[in-house]
Every structure is written in C-alpha cells, then in structure tokens.
Protein backbone atom coordinates (compact mmCIF):
# COMPACT_ATOMS: atom_id res chain seq x y z
CA UNK A 1 0.24 -0.53 0.20
CA UNK A 2 1.01 3.37 -0.21
CA UNK A 3 0.80 6.53 1.71
CA UNK A 4 0.22 8.96 -1.37
CA UNK A 5 -3.70 10.85 -1.55
CA UNK A 6 -5.32 9.56 -4.12
CA UNK A 7 -7.95 11.09 -6.48
CA UNK A 8 -10.27 8.91 -6.96
CA UNK A 9 -13.12 11.82 -8.60
CA UNK A 10 -12.65 14.56 -11.50
CA UNK A 11 -14.47 18.02 -11.16
CA UNK A 12 -14.45 19.39 -14.61
CA UNK A 13 -13.50 22.76 -15.13
CA UNK A 14 -13.18 23.28 -11.94
CA UNK A 15 -9.50 25.01 -12.38
CA UNK A 16 -10.24 28.47 -10.57
CA UNK A 17 -10.30 26.48 -7.47
CA UNK A 18 -7.31 24.03 -8.28
CA UNK A 19 -4.64 24.46 -4.84
CA UNK A 20 -1.68 23.40 -7.06
CA UNK A 21 -1.30 21.62 -10.82
CA UNK A 22 -0.18 18.96 -12.83
CA UNK A 23 0.82 19.75 -16.49
CA UNK A 24 -0.07 17.28 -19.13
CA UNK A 25 0.11 16.58 -22.70
CA UNK A 26 -2.93 15.41 -24.99
CA UNK A 27 -1.88 11.76 -23.98
CA UNK A 28 -1.30 12.71 -20.97
CA UNK A 29 -4.65 14.03 -20.34
CA UNK A 30 -6.20 10.04 -21.13
CA UNK A 31 -5.60 8.04 -18.02
CA UNK A 32 -7.02 6.13 -15.74
CA UNK A 33 -4.56 4.88 -13.08
CA UNK A 34 -1.30 6.89 -12.57
CA UNK A 35 0.90 8.80 -10.53
CA UNK A 36 1.52 12.48 -10.92
CA UNK A 37 3.58 15.01 -9.65
CA UNK A 38 2.50 18.97 -9.17
CA UNK A 39 4.31 21.75 -10.01
CA UNK A 40 5.10 22.69 -6.30
CA UNK A 41 5.96 18.57 -6.00
CA UNK A 42 3.93 16.44 -4.10
CA UNK A 43 2.76 13.19 -5.53
CA UNK A 44 -0.03 12.11 -5.71
CA UNK A 45 -1.93 8.78 -7.12
CA UNK A 46 -4.86 8.69 -9.57
CA UNK A 47 -7.09 5.71 -9.63
CA UNK A 48 -10.41 6.39 -11.56
CA UNK A 49 -12.97 3.76 -11.88
CA UNK A 50 -12.57 4.27 -15.67
CA UNK A 51 -10.30 5.96 -18.21
CA UNK A 52 -11.03 9.21 -18.96
CA UNK A 53 -10.10 12.28 -21.01
CA UNK A 54 -9.00 15.44 -19.17
CA UNK A 55 -8.99 19.03 -20.53
CA UNK A 56 -7.63 21.92 -19.53
CA UNK A 57 -8.99 23.34 -15.82
CA UNK A 58 -10.48 19.68 -14.60
CA UNK A 59 -9.42 19.28 -11.86
CA UNK A 60 -8.44 15.80 -9.51
CA UNK A 61 -10.11 15.85 -6.48
CA UNK A 62 -8.23 13.62 -3.34
CA UNK A 63 -9.45 12.21 -0.75
CA UNK A 64 -8.83 15.40 1.51
CA UNK A 65 -10.95 17.62 -0.76
CA UNK A 66 -7.53 19.60 -2.33
CA UNK A 67 -8.16 20.13 -5.88
CA UNK A 68 -5.29 19.42 -8.48
CA UNK A 69 -6.04 21.35 -12.24
CA UNK A 70 -5.44 20.06 -14.73
CA UNK A 71 -3.41 22.20 -17.30
CA UNK A 72 -2.68 21.25 -20.99
CA UNK A 73 0.86 21.06 -21.91
CA UNK A 74 2.42 23.24 -24.88
CA UNK A 75 3.66 20.29 -27.66
CA UNK A 76 4.56 20.91 -30.97
CA UNK A 77 1.89 21.10 -33.27
CA UNK A 78 0.88 22.19 -37.26
CA UNK A 79 -1.16 24.77 -37.92
CA UNK A 80 -2.90 25.05 -41.38
CA UNK A 81 -4.89 27.51 -43.07
CA UNK A 82 -6.28 26.85 -46.15
CA UNK A 83 -9.51 25.63 -47.23
CA UNK A 84 -10.61 24.66 -44.03
CA UNK A 85 -13.62 22.50 -44.96
CA UNK A 86 -11.69 20.56 -47.22
CA UNK A 87 -8.76 19.80 -45.27
CA UNK A 88 -10.83 19.14 -41.74
CA UNK A 89 -12.89 16.41 -44.22
CA UNK A 90 -9.34 14.72 -45.04
CA UNK A 91 -8.50 15.29 -41.81
CA UNK A 92 -11.21 13.46 -39.87
CA UNK A 93 -11.41 10.66 -42.57
CA UNK A 94 -8.13 10.02 -41.28
CA UNK A 95 -9.70 10.01 -37.42
CA UNK A 96 -7.15 12.07 -36.24
CA UNK A 97 -7.21 14.63 -33.44
CA UNK A 98 -7.84 18.17 -34.73
CA UNK A 99 -8.25 21.84 -33.04
CA UNK A 100 -10.32 23.47 -34.83
CA UNK A 101 -10.53 27.16 -34.74
CA UNK A 102 -11.96 30.04 -36.85
CA UNK A 103 -9.27 30.86 -38.68
CA UNK A 104 -6.68 27.76 -38.65
CA UNK A 105 -7.01 24.03 -37.76
CA UNK A 106 -4.38 22.69 -35.31
CA UNK A 107 -3.04 18.34 -35.77
CA UNK A 108 0.08 16.75 -34.57
CA UNK A 109 3.00 16.68 -36.55
CA UNK A 110 2.52 13.90 -38.79
CA UNK A 111 5.15 14.28 -42.16
CA UNK A 112 2.30 11.65 -43.93
CA UNK A 113 -0.76 13.74 -42.88
CA UNK A 114 1.34 17.39 -43.62
CA UNK A 115 2.60 16.44 -47.31
CA UNK A 116 -0.69 15.05 -48.59
CA UNK A 117 -2.66 18.14 -47.08
CA UNK A 118 -0.31 20.34 -48.75
CA UNK A 119 -0.62 18.65 -51.94
CA UNK A 120 -4.31 20.05 -50.68
CA UNK A 121 -3.09 23.22 -51.30
CA UNK A 122 -3.12 24.07 -47.26
CA UNK A 123 -0.48 26.55 -45.65
CA UNK A 124 1.31 24.97 -43.04
CA UNK A 125 3.21 26.39 -39.86
CA UNK A 126 4.85 24.77 -37.12
CA UNK A 127 3.39 25.54 -34.20
CA UNK A 128 3.63 25.23 -30.50
CA UNK A 129 0.64 25.37 -28.00
CA UNK A 130 -1.65 23.00 -25.61
CA UNK A 131 -3.46 20.34 -27.96
CA UNK A 132 -7.35 20.69 -27.06
CA UNK A 133 -8.66 19.07 -30.04
CA UNK A 134 -12.19 18.58 -30.74
CA UNK A 135 -14.26 15.76 -28.85
CA UNK A 136 -16.36 13.46 -30.23
CA UNK A 137 -20.46 13.93 -31.70
CA UNK A 138 -21.57 12.09 -28.99
CA UNK A 139 -20.66 13.19 -25.87
CA UNK A 140 -17.40 14.44 -23.42
CA UNK A 141 -13.89 13.97 -24.45
CA UNK A 142 -12.53 12.57 -27.29
CA UNK A 143 -13.49 9.47 -29.40
CA UNK A 144 -12.30 5.82 -28.46
CA UNK A 145 -12.06 3.85 -31.30
CA UNK A 146 -14.03 3.32 -35.04
CA UNK A 147 -17.77 2.57 -33.98
CA UNK A 148 -20.38 4.86 -35.01
CA UNK A 149 -22.74 3.42 -33.58
CA UNK A 150 -24.64 0.83 -36.43
CA UNK A 151 -24.76 -2.19 -37.49
CA UNK A 152 -22.31 -3.50 -40.62
CA UNK A 153 -23.94 -6.55 -42.10
CA UNK A 154 -22.01 -8.17 -44.81
CA UNK A 155 -23.44 -11.32 -46.97
C-alpha cells in the first residue's frame, strides 16, 4: 500500500479552485491510473473507475478535498490554413485529432499527413501550443475507436 493521497474523482472545469496543478500533454490527459506530481512537487495517485479524457481546467479531487488543476502542456503542432472545410474533412476521414479554430486547424506533427494536406493546398506552419482537439460527436472527451453506433452486415 502507499501513503500517497489518491484522486478517485474529477471535477470538470474547476481550475479556479485548484490549489496546485499538473501539466499534461494530450496523451497524458487520457488516463485511469497513474502516479502524478504537481508543479510544487506533491506526488499523488490517480485511481479512477474508468479511463477518461481530461481537459485543461479540470481538477483531480483528492480524498481530503484538495483540488489539483489540470493544465494542457504546450507541444509541437502544425497549424493549417487554406480551405478549412476541405482540410477538416480529410483530417477527419483519417480519424486524426484536430483542434478547430475560426481561422486555422491544429494537428500533431505528422510528415505524411502534412504532405497530403499541402497537396490539397494547405499552408503549414509549425507551432508550439496546448493541444485541445475537438471531442467526439456523442459526448464529452475524445473519440475512442471507430464505432459509429450502427451495425454492418456483410453478406
């Protein structure tokens, strides 16, 4: 057993109440069980009932009521400009996480995808920023897999 405080619950969008914080990249914000350390050096365990996707501003709630805020880490991304609806369609068709903004799309660096998107007329700019891609169409957080909720019958 461990003496570390444990978070069994998440409070959504509660960052103003967080007494401390952890900074996690996009991959790090998908978790169920993990040992984390706050910016001030306090270690704690995360032990959630299921794997969840955390957003910037969510908080881990420790057993004593302490809230630890989640901050999205800056990471290397590619900003895309051009015919955004067309580019977004091709990105979505490949089930690639994409952050949608009014004047650009952001994806993780991927030379093969970047080459394809340039061929479609995209202007590509390397940036470093927090990555908060669009969530799934059927609820909070990121999409998990390729199930569209209907059956496929093969004869």
